[in-house]
Amino acid sequence: MKKSDTFADRRQEAEAAKNRRVEKFKAKPDQANPEAAARTMARQAESAARAERKAAVDLEKRQNAERIRIEADAAAAANRLAKDQELQRVAQDAEAQSILDEAARKAKRDARYASRKSKP
């Protein structure tokens, strides 16, 4: 340290050293260096491959979700159809039973009426 250095000079040198360290940290590897360029290209290629794999996985997930949704919709439609058919069958059975009950009631009534007619 020179005696002629003032506080301002030392401060300015420290600031310059700090700026050099920051610039060195921010600096990109020398692209003229073939090894550094090769590493950079390899990292970029790996990054692009990772992005493509992620996009493919995301697409597959979306397709699987869509397929599952379609299958669930089809299953729900099949269940609704089965329920509708069951309700129709129950309604037809109830209507047939009603007709049979009505016929049995009429037969009993006719039998009573015939028994009254046959009594002298």
Protein backbone atom coordinates (compact mmCIF):
# COMPACT_ATOMS: atom_id res chain seq x y z
CA MET A 1 0.00 0.00 0.00
CA LYS A 2 1.42 3.27 -1.05
CA LYS A 3 1.44 6.17 1.24
CA SER A 4 -0.04 8.35 -1.45
CA ASP A 5 -3.21 6.22 -1.66
CA THR A 6 -6.15 7.98 -0.19
CA PHE A 7 -9.29 6.47 1.18
CA ALA A 8 -11.14 7.38 -2.01
CA ASP A 9 -8.52 5.62 -4.15
CA ARG A 10 -8.72 2.45 -2.06
CA ARG A 11 -12.50 2.58 -2.17
CA GLN A 12 -12.45 3.00 -5.94
CA GLU A 13 -10.08 0.02 -6.34
CA ALA A 14 -12.29 -2.13 -4.12
CA GLU A 15 -15.37 -1.16 -6.14
CA ALA A 16 -13.55 -2.00 -9.39
CA ALA A 17 -12.47 -5.40 -8.00
CA LYS A 18 -16.04 -6.11 -6.95
CA ASN A 19 -17.33 -5.16 -10.40
CA ARG A 20 -14.73 -7.44 -12.04
CA ARG A 21 -15.91 -10.37 -9.88
CA VAL A 22 -19.55 -9.67 -10.75
CA GLU A 23 -18.77 -9.41 -14.46
CA LYS A 24 -16.78 -12.63 -14.31
CA PHE A 25 -19.71 -14.35 -12.62
CA LYS A 26 -22.18 -13.02 -15.20
CA ALA A 27 -19.93 -13.79 -18.17
CA LYS A 28 -20.87 -16.68 -20.43
CA PRO A 29 -18.28 -19.35 -21.14
CA ASP A 30 -15.98 -18.51 -23.98
CA GLN A 31 -17.67 -19.83 -27.12
CA ALA A 32 -14.32 -19.90 -28.90
CA ASN A 33 -13.28 -22.68 -26.54
CA PRO A 34 -14.47 -25.91 -28.26
CA GLU A 35 -14.90 -27.82 -25.00
CA ALA A 36 -17.06 -25.09 -23.49
CA ALA A 37 -19.08 -24.83 -26.70
CA ALA A 38 -19.55 -28.61 -26.75
CA ARG A 39 -20.72 -28.64 -23.12
CA THR A 40 -23.10 -25.78 -23.82
CA MET A 41 -24.53 -27.54 -26.87
CA ALA A 42 -24.87 -30.79 -24.89
CA ARG A 43 -26.73 -28.99 -22.09
CA GLN A 44 -29.02 -27.28 -24.59
CA ALA A 45 -29.70 -30.58 -26.39
CA GLU A 46 -30.47 -32.32 -23.10
CA SER A 47 -32.74 -29.45 -22.09
CA ALA A 48 -34.59 -29.65 -25.41
CA ALA A 49 -34.91 -33.43 -25.07
CA ARG A 50 -36.27 -33.02 -21.53
CA ALA A 51 -38.80 -30.47 -22.77
CA GLU A 52 -39.89 -32.81 -25.57
CA ARG A 53 -40.27 -35.73 -23.14
CA LYS A 54 -42.27 -33.55 -20.76
CA ALA A 55 -44.51 -32.40 -23.62
CA ALA A 56 -45.02 -36.01 -24.71
CA VAL A 57 -45.89 -37.08 -21.16
CA ASP A 58 -48.29 -34.14 -20.78
CA LEU A 59 -49.96 -35.01 -24.09
CA GLU A 60 -50.28 -38.64 -23.04
CA LYS A 61 -51.78 -37.59 -19.70
CA ARG A 62 -54.31 -35.35 -21.46
CA GLN A 63 -55.20 -38.14 -23.88
CA ASN A 64 -55.59 -40.63 -21.04
CA ALA A 65 -57.77 -38.19 -19.10
CA GLU A 66 -59.91 -37.61 -22.20
CA ARG A 67 -60.20 -41.37 -22.80
CA ILE A 68 -61.17 -41.97 -19.17
CA ARG A 69 -63.75 -39.18 -19.36
CA ILE A 70 -65.22 -40.65 -22.56
CA GLU A 71 -65.33 -44.12 -21.00
CA ALA A 72 -67.04 -42.72 -17.90
CA ASP A 73 -69.57 -40.88 -20.08
CA ALA A 74 -70.24 -44.08 -22.04
CA ALA A 75 -70.65 -46.07 -18.82
CA ALA A 76 -73.03 -43.44 -17.43
CA ALA A 77 -75.05 -43.51 -20.67
CA ALA A 78 -75.19 -47.31 -20.52
CA ASN A 79 -76.36 -47.15 -16.89
CA ARG A 80 -79.04 -44.60 -17.78
CA LEU A 81 -80.19 -46.79 -20.67
CA ALA A 82 -80.29 -49.85 -18.41
CA LYS A 83 -82.26 -47.93 -15.78
CA ASP A 84 -84.67 -46.64 -18.41
CA GLN A 85 -85.16 -50.15 -19.75
CA GLU A 86 -85.69 -51.47 -16.22
CA LEU A 87 -88.23 -48.72 -15.53
CA GLN A 88 -90.02 -49.53 -18.79
CA ARG A 89 -90.07 -53.23 -17.91
CA VAL A 90 -91.40 -52.45 -14.42
CA ALA A 91 -94.06 -50.17 -15.93
CA GLN A 92 -95.06 -52.85 -18.44
CA ASP A 93 -95.18 -55.45 -15.67
CA ALA A 94 -97.30 -53.11 -13.55
CA GLU A 95 -99.63 -52.45 -16.50
CA ALA A 96 -99.91 -56.18 -17.22
CA GLN A 97 -100.61 -56.88 -13.56
CA SER A 98 -103.22 -54.13 -13.54
CA ILE A 99 -104.90 -55.68 -16.57
CA LEU A 100 -104.83 -59.11 -14.91
CA ASP A 101 -106.25 -57.68 -11.67
CA GLU A 102 -108.98 -55.92 -13.64
CA ALA A 103 -109.80 -59.14 -15.49
CA ALA A 104 -109.89 -61.11 -12.22
CA ARG A 105 -112.15 -58.49 -10.64
CA LYS A 106 -114.49 -58.60 -13.64
CA ALA A 107 -114.48 -62.41 -13.55
CA LYS A 108 -115.44 -62.39 -9.84
CA ARG A 109 -118.14 -59.81 -10.53
CA ASP A 110 -119.46 -61.84 -13.44
CA ALA A 111 -119.39 -64.97 -11.28
CA ARG A 112 -121.38 -63.22 -8.54
CA TYR A 113 -123.83 -61.90 -11.07
CA ALA A 114 -124.20 -65.34 -12.66
CA SER A 115 -124.72 -66.98 -9.24
CA ARG A 116 -127.50 -64.49 -8.45
CA LYS A 117 -129.14 -65.17 -11.79
CA SER A 118 -129.00 -68.91 -11.30
CA LYS A 119 -130.82 -68.77 -7.91
CA PRO A 120 -134.61 -69.15 -8.35
